[in-house]
Protein backbone atom coordinates (compact mmCIF):
# COMPACT_ATOMS: atom_id res chain seq x y z
CA UNK A 1 0.26 0.47 0.19
CA UNK A 2 2.78 2.23 0.81
CA UNK A 3 4.06 1.82 -2.85
CA UNK A 4 0.80 3.05 -4.24
CA UNK A 5 0.91 5.80 -2.05
CA UNK A 6 4.31 7.25 -2.55
CA UNK A 7 3.73 6.69 -6.27
CA UNK A 8 0.63 9.40 -6.18
CA UNK A 9 2.71 12.15 -4.36
CA UNK A 10 5.71 11.54 -6.84
CA UNK A 11 3.17 11.88 -9.42
CA UNK A 12 1.55 14.72 -7.85
CA UNK A 13 5.27 16.48 -7.63
CA UNK A 14 5.86 15.71 -10.80
CA UNK A 15 2.47 17.45 -12.17
CA UNK A 16 3.08 20.54 -9.45
CA UNK A 17 6.68 20.79 -10.92
CA UNK A 18 5.92 20.94 -14.47
CA UNK A 19 3.34 23.84 -13.79
CA UNK A 20 5.69 26.28 -11.25
CA UNK A 21 8.38 25.44 -13.03
CA UNK A 22 10.10 25.05 -16.51
CA UNK A 23 12.72 22.19 -16.20
CA UNK A 24 15.27 21.42 -19.09
CA UNK A 25 16.93 18.35 -19.07
CA UNK A 26 20.01 18.08 -21.08
CA UNK A 27 21.88 14.39 -21.89
CA UNK A 28 25.45 15.24 -21.10
CA UNK A 29 26.55 12.06 -22.93
CA UNK A 30 23.66 9.84 -24.81
CA UNK A 31 23.07 6.21 -24.26
CA UNK A 32 20.37 4.24 -25.24
CA UNK A 33 17.08 4.21 -22.76
CA UNK A 34 18.66 5.94 -20.20
CA UNK A 35 16.05 5.37 -17.88
CA UNK A 36 16.47 1.21 -17.87
CA UNK A 37 18.80 -0.40 -15.03
CA UNK A 38 19.09 2.18 -12.69
CA UNK A 39 20.05 1.85 -8.93
CA UNK A 40 21.92 4.23 -7.85
CA UNK A 41 20.73 8.38 -8.46
CA UNK A 42 23.73 10.41 -7.37
CA UNK A 43 22.38 14.53 -7.52
CA UNK A 44 25.42 17.26 -6.98
CA UNK A 45 25.22 20.61 -6.37
CA UNK A 46 22.39 20.34 -3.73
CA UNK A 47 20.91 24.04 -3.45
CA UNK A 48 17.36 23.60 -1.95
CA UNK A 49 14.68 21.45 -0.32
CA UNK A 50 12.90 22.07 -3.59
CA UNK A 51 14.66 19.81 -5.61
CA UNK A 52 12.38 17.47 -6.21
CA UNK A 53 10.85 19.49 -8.71
CA UNK A 54 13.04 18.36 -10.87
CA UNK A 55 10.93 15.43 -10.93
CA UNK A 56 9.02 16.75 -13.81
CA UNK A 57 12.05 15.97 -15.99
CA UNK A 58 12.06 11.90 -15.31
CA UNK A 59 9.45 10.01 -16.79
CA UNK A 60 6.68 8.30 -14.55
CA UNK A 61 8.63 4.42 -14.71
CA UNK A 62 11.51 5.93 -12.90
CA UNK A 63 8.79 7.53 -9.84
CA UNK A 64 7.55 3.81 -9.71
CA UNK A 65 10.82 2.11 -9.10
CA UNK A 66 11.06 4.62 -5.99
CA UNK A 67 7.68 4.25 -4.74
CA UNK A 68 8.50 0.56 -5.27
CA UNK A 69 12.00 0.37 -4.72
CA UNK A 70 13.51 3.31 -4.06
CA UNK A 71 15.95 3.65 -0.53
CA UNK A 72 16.57 7.53 0.24
CA UNK A 73 18.85 8.76 2.89
CA UNK A 74 17.63 12.37 4.18
CA UNK A 75 19.85 14.32 6.69
CA UNK A 76 17.83 13.66 10.71
CA UNK A 77 17.74 17.52 10.84
CA UNK A 78 15.32 17.69 7.51
CA UNK A 79 13.22 14.50 8.14
CA UNK A 80 12.64 16.83 11.89
CA UNK A 81 11.03 19.91 10.33
CA UNK A 82 7.40 19.78 10.53
CA UNK A 83 6.34 20.28 6.82
CA UNK A 84 9.24 19.43 4.71
CA UNK A 85 9.92 16.40 6.55
CA UNK A 86 6.48 14.73 6.28
CA UNK A 87 7.17 15.04 2.43
CA UNK A 88 10.30 13.93 2.35
CA UNK A 89 9.25 10.70 4.43
CA UNK A 90 6.93 9.86 1.76
CA UNK A 91 9.55 10.27 -1.54
CA UNK A 92 10.46 6.86 -1.61
CA UNK A 93 9.62 2.96 -0.30
CA UNK A 94 12.81 3.06 2.26
CA UNK A 95 13.41 6.80 3.62
CA UNK A 96 16.39 6.51 5.76
CA UNK A 97 17.22 9.73 8.54
CA UNK A 98 20.66 9.90 8.72
CA UNK A 99 23.48 12.24 11.26
CA UNK A 100 26.63 13.50 10.02
CA UNK A 101 28.18 10.42 11.41
CA UNK A 102 29.39 7.04 10.18
CA UNK A 103 26.86 5.63 12.90
CA UNK A 104 23.41 3.06 12.77
CA UNK A 105 21.90 5.30 10.46
CA UNK A 106 24.09 4.91 7.75
CA UNK A 107 24.57 1.15 8.05
CA UNK A 108 21.20 0.90 8.00
CA UNK A 109 21.22 2.61 4.54
CA UNK A 110 24.30 0.49 3.75
CA UNK A 111 22.24 -2.40 4.35
CA UNK A 112 19.17 -1.44 1.59
CA UNK A 113 22.19 -2.12 -0.90
CA UNK A 114 21.99 -5.84 -0.78
CA UNK A 115 18.66 -5.78 -2.34
CA UNK A 116 19.22 -6.36 -6.31
CA UNK A 117 16.17 -4.24 -6.82
CA UNK A 118 17.14 -1.47 -4.72
CA UNK A 119 17.82 2.34 -6.19
CA UNK A 120 19.78 4.01 -3.83
CA UNK A 121 19.13 7.93 -3.96
CA UNK A 122 21.68 10.54 -2.57
CA UNK A 123 23.01 14.06 -2.50
CA UNK A 124 26.52 13.12 -1.55
CA UNK A 125 27.41 16.61 -0.52
CA UNK A 126 25.15 16.05 2.26
CA UNK A 127 24.57 19.40 2.96
CA UNK A 128 23.06 22.75 1.24
CA UNK A 129 24.81 25.33 -0.06
CA UNK A 130 24.39 29.16 0.84
CA UNK A 131 24.12 31.59 -2.22
CA UNK A 132 27.43 32.45 -0.33
CA UNK A 133 28.51 28.78 -2.41
CA UNK A 134 29.27 27.98 0.58
CA UNK A 135 27.78 25.59 3.37
CA UNK A 136 25.51 26.59 6.73
CA UNK A 137 29.08 26.84 8.55
CA UNK A 138 30.90 28.51 6.21
CA UNK A 139 32.62 25.54 4.56
CA UNK A 140 33.50 24.68 1.22
CA UNK A 141 31.12 22.15 -0.48
CA UNK A 142 32.79 18.61 -0.99
CA UNK A 143 31.61 15.28 -1.37
CA UNK A 144 31.66 12.66 1.78
CA UNK A 145 32.38 9.48 1.25
CA UNK A 146 29.24 7.65 1.86
CA UNK A 147 29.22 7.53 -2.01
CA UNK A 148 32.38 5.82 -2.26
CA UNK A 149 30.67 3.44 0.42
CA UNK A 150 27.22 3.12 -1.99
CA UNK A 151 29.74 1.87 -5.39
CA UNK A 152 31.88 -0.02 -3.48
CA UNK A 153 28.86 -2.15 -2.29
CA UNK A 154 26.42 -1.97 -5.47
CA UNK A 155 26.28 -5.31 -7.39
CA UNK A 156 25.54 -3.95 -10.80
CA UNK A 157 23.13 -1.86 -12.65
CA UNK A 158 23.85 1.74 -14.15
CA UNK A 159 24.81 4.64 -12.22
CA UNK A 160 22.31 7.88 -13.14
CA UNK A 161 24.82 11.10 -12.49
CA UNK A 162 22.56 14.19 -12.26
CA UNK A 163 23.68 18.01 -12.40
CA UNK A 164 21.59 20.59 -10.91
CA UNK A 165 22.10 24.31 -12.39
CA UNK A 166 21.18 25.52 -8.89
CA UNK A 167 17.86 26.25 -7.42
CA UNK A 168 18.66 29.66 -5.57
CA UNK A 169 16.59 31.19 -7.83
CA UNK A 170 13.70 29.63 -6.95
CA UNK A 171 14.29 29.17 -2.73
CA UNK A 172 17.71 29.29 -1.54
CA UNK A 173 18.22 28.11 2.36
CA UNK A 174 16.89 30.65 4.74
CA UNK A 175 14.34 32.51 2.65
CA UNK A 176 10.38 31.95 3.46
CA UNK A 177 8.55 31.92 0.29
CA UNK A 178 9.52 30.03 -3.04
CA UNK A 179 9.67 31.87 -6.37
CA UNK A 180 7.17 29.51 -8.81
CA UNK A 181 7.59 30.21 -12.26
CA UNK A 182 11.50 29.85 -13.27
CA UNK A 183 13.66 27.95 -15.42
CA UNK A 184 15.35 25.33 -14.43
CA UNK A 185 18.45 23.30 -15.69
CA UNK A 186 18.98 19.79 -15.19
CA UNK A 187 22.35 17.73 -16.82
CA UNK A 188 22.69 14.17 -16.71
CA UNK A 189 24.89 11.01 -17.91
CA UNK A 190 24.32 7.58 -17.40
CA UNK A 191 27.51 5.19 -16.76
CA UNK A 192 27.64 1.43 -15.91
CA UNK A 193 28.45 1.01 -11.63
CA UNK A 194 30.69 -1.96 -12.38
CA UNK A 195 32.52 -0.34 -15.53
CA UNK A 196 32.89 2.75 -13.41
CA UNK A 197 34.22 1.05 -10.19
CA UNK A 198 37.00 -1.01 -12.19
CA UNK A 199 38.11 1.78 -13.93
CA UNK A 200 38.44 3.98 -11.31
CA UNK A 201 40.57 0.98 -8.88
CA UNK A 202 42.48 0.44 -12.19
CA UNK A 203 44.14 4.50 -12.03
CA UNK A 204 43.83 4.52 -8.15
CA UNK A 205 43.74 1.44 -6.35
CA UNK A 206 41.09 -0.83 -4.45
CA UNK A 207 42.43 1.00 -1.19
CA UNK A 208 41.95 4.49 -2.64
CA UNK A 209 38.56 3.67 -4.39
CA UNK A 210 36.78 6.44 -1.74
CA UNK A 211 38.84 8.82 -2.44
CA UNK A 212 39.25 8.43 -6.50
CA UNK A 213 34.77 8.58 -6.47
CA UNK A 214 35.39 11.89 -4.52
CA UNK A 215 37.71 13.59 -6.75
CA UNK A 216 35.98 11.71 -9.76
CA UNK A 217 32.61 13.31 -8.84
CA UNK A 218 33.79 17.16 -7.54
CA UNK A 219 35.43 16.64 -11.23
CA UNK A 220 32.27 15.98 -13.23
CA UNK A 221 30.26 18.34 -10.62
CA UNK A 222 32.45 21.28 -11.44
CA UNK A 223 32.79 20.85 -14.98
CA UNK A 224 29.11 20.38 -15.55
CA UNK A 225 26.90 21.81 -13.17
CA UNK A 226 28.84 24.87 -14.47
CA UNK A 227 27.41 24.84 -18.04
CA UNK A 228 24.39 25.65 -16.63
CA UNK A 229 22.62 29.01 -18.27
CA UNK A 230 21.80 31.68 -16.17
CA UNK A 231 18.25 31.01 -14.76
CA UNK A 232 16.28 33.84 -15.83
CA UNK A 233 14.99 35.38 -12.49
């Protein structure tokens, strides 16, 4: 029953996103049927809690995959919000509140990876970028090591890397009200997880996989998120 409730909610978010935003999806590299075989979805350049509007650019079959098999780690601070927290707890089959520490909450996420049907969705920076380009504490935005754990353990399938052009023009962290009817840019590419993992191990060695994943995703984020056109205010 939960899967159907989540699916209906995601369809509603997709419809609202199409009404209130114009999301343009641009593929960095073209592949055949990019929505098939996905097992990990990464969103880079985390700027706003309004990022669910990006669902306007995805097909409904991906929404059903999220509803039936999705696993989404959500910051415990977000999960505790009275309104946004309730919404984020219903965006996937399994929504796991996690802290910023490598504790039992992260172990709960990794336990889900062993399900061959699971679709893991993660913002690997782990916090939102402010208008300053820094996080809430004034530190540069960096990729956290949790995504490397997922890449190391995921038995197969495809990885979709999504590059957000940023949503500060809709609502930046700390702002109270959103600005609808804005243009939004989203880049994306799909890679085979096993091929990606083997390539990084070949370049950096198995003991350096975590650092290699962080370095590679940082390079991709800085290269492709900066390609986004300036949003129309």
